[in-house]
Amino acid sequence: MILKEFSKYLQSKNDELISNKTTATKLLCEWIKIVINKNPKKHVDKIVHREIMLAENNSGDFLIVGKSDSGRVLVNALYNFALSYENYIMQKWLSDKNPKDFEK
């Protein structure tokens, strides 16, 4: 259910991913930041609040940490999902391309 909510967020940002304006891992950070900064009402929000901690510096670098063993499993699952989604979008984009399309 948490992956489903994150998936919806990623799908809403497809255009940004395709145009290389952002990456899926940056979107993961944004999504976690959005969920953590709002009052948790839904079950998903409560779990993210309880299990995940987000740290970000002034340069925009971030660190996502699980607060417990289950939180670490959740962070790992979200991170792997973000990477696989990004690969899926790239594969979809490449599907109709030919090698000649990349020649100068």
Protein backbone atom coordinates (compact mmCIF):
# COMPACT_ATOMS: atom_id res chain seq x y z
CA MET A 1 0.00 0.00 0.00
CA ILE A 2 2.93 2.37 0.61
CA LEU A 3 4.50 1.45 -2.72
CA LYS A 4 1.13 2.07 -4.37
CA GLU A 5 0.97 5.61 -2.96
CA PHE A 6 4.55 6.30 -4.01
CA SER A 7 3.79 4.84 -7.44
CA LYS A 8 0.91 7.28 -7.90
CA TYR A 9 3.26 10.14 -7.06
CA LEU A 10 5.86 8.90 -9.56
CA GLN A 11 3.24 8.52 -12.27
CA SER A 12 2.16 12.11 -11.74
CA LYS A 13 5.76 13.18 -12.41
CA ASN A 14 6.35 11.09 -15.58
CA ASP A 15 6.93 14.16 -17.75
CA GLU A 16 9.71 15.38 -15.46
CA LEU A 17 11.37 11.95 -15.51
CA ILE A 18 11.17 11.63 -19.29
CA SER A 19 12.60 15.11 -19.84
CA ASN A 20 15.45 14.43 -17.35
CA LYS A 21 14.42 17.30 -15.08
CA THR A 22 14.61 15.00 -12.08
CA THR A 23 15.30 11.41 -11.06
CA ALA A 24 13.11 8.86 -9.36
CA THR A 25 15.32 8.90 -6.26
CA LYS A 26 14.92 12.69 -5.97
CA LEU A 27 11.18 12.20 -6.33
CA LEU A 28 11.36 9.63 -3.53
CA CYS A 29 12.92 12.29 -1.32
CA GLU A 30 10.25 14.82 -2.33
CA TRP A 31 7.45 12.35 -1.65
CA ILE A 32 8.83 11.42 1.78
CA LYS A 33 9.25 15.12 2.59
CA ILE A 34 5.62 15.79 1.61
CA VAL A 35 4.34 12.89 3.70
CA ILE A 36 6.47 13.73 6.74
CA ASN A 37 5.57 17.43 6.68
CA LYS A 38 1.82 16.90 6.76
CA ASN A 39 -0.37 15.78 9.61
CA PRO A 40 -0.62 11.98 9.27
CA LYS A 41 -4.24 10.98 8.75
CA LYS A 42 -4.00 7.99 6.44
CA HIS A 43 -2.43 4.71 7.48
CA VAL A 44 0.36 5.14 4.90
CA ASP A 45 1.30 8.55 6.30
CA LYS A 46 1.40 7.20 9.85
CA ILE A 47 3.71 4.35 8.85
CA VAL A 48 6.08 6.68 6.98
CA HIS A 49 6.14 9.04 9.98
CA ARG A 50 6.92 6.19 12.34
CA GLU A 51 9.43 4.29 10.21
CA ILE A 52 11.38 6.80 8.07
CA MET A 53 13.63 9.75 8.84
CA LEU A 54 14.81 12.21 6.18
CA ALA A 55 17.85 14.48 6.43
CA GLU A 56 18.78 17.06 3.79
CA ASN A 57 21.66 19.54 3.60
CA ASN A 58 21.79 22.99 1.98
CA SER A 59 23.19 21.53 -1.26
CA GLY A 60 20.11 19.38 -1.74
CA ASP A 61 21.82 16.11 -0.85
CA PHE A 62 19.59 13.88 1.20
CA LEU A 63 19.70 10.82 3.38
CA ILE A 64 16.74 8.55 3.95
CA VAL A 65 17.05 6.30 7.00
CA GLY A 66 14.80 3.67 8.48
CA LYS A 67 14.21 4.17 12.20
CA SER A 68 13.90 0.42 12.83
CA ASP A 69 14.52 -2.87 11.03
CA SER A 70 11.13 -2.67 9.34
CA GLY A 71 11.84 0.96 8.43
CA ARG A 72 15.10 -0.05 6.77
CA VAL A 73 13.27 -2.72 4.78
CA LEU A 74 10.70 -0.10 3.75
CA VAL A 75 13.36 2.42 2.69
CA ASN A 76 15.15 -0.28 0.70
CA ALA A 77 11.90 -1.31 -1.01
CA LEU A 78 11.03 2.31 -1.88
CA TYR A 79 14.52 2.98 -3.21
CA ASN A 80 14.55 -0.18 -5.34
CA PHE A 81 11.08 0.65 -6.63
CA ALA A 82 12.23 4.15 -7.60
CA LEU A 83 15.18 2.73 -9.53
CA SER A 84 13.06 0.11 -11.29
CA TYR A 85 10.44 2.72 -12.23
CA GLU A 86 13.14 4.95 -13.71
CA ASN A 87 14.48 1.99 -15.72
CA TYR A 88 10.93 1.21 -16.90
CA ILE A 89 10.41 4.79 -18.11
CA MET A 90 13.75 4.73 -19.93
CA GLN A 91 12.99 1.36 -21.53
CA LYS A 92 9.62 2.68 -22.69
CA TRP A 93 11.28 5.76 -24.17
CA LEU A 94 13.93 3.67 -25.95
CA SER A 95 11.47 1.15 -27.37
CA ASP A 96 10.82 3.09 -30.58
CA LYS A 97 14.35 4.42 -31.06
CA ASN A 98 16.91 3.15 -33.55
CA PRO A 99 20.72 3.27 -33.25
CA LYS A 100 20.77 5.87 -36.03
CA ASP A 101 18.72 8.20 -33.83
CA PHE A 102 21.79 8.65 -31.60
CA GLU A 103 24.32 9.44 -34.32
CA LYS A 104 25.50 12.98 -34.85
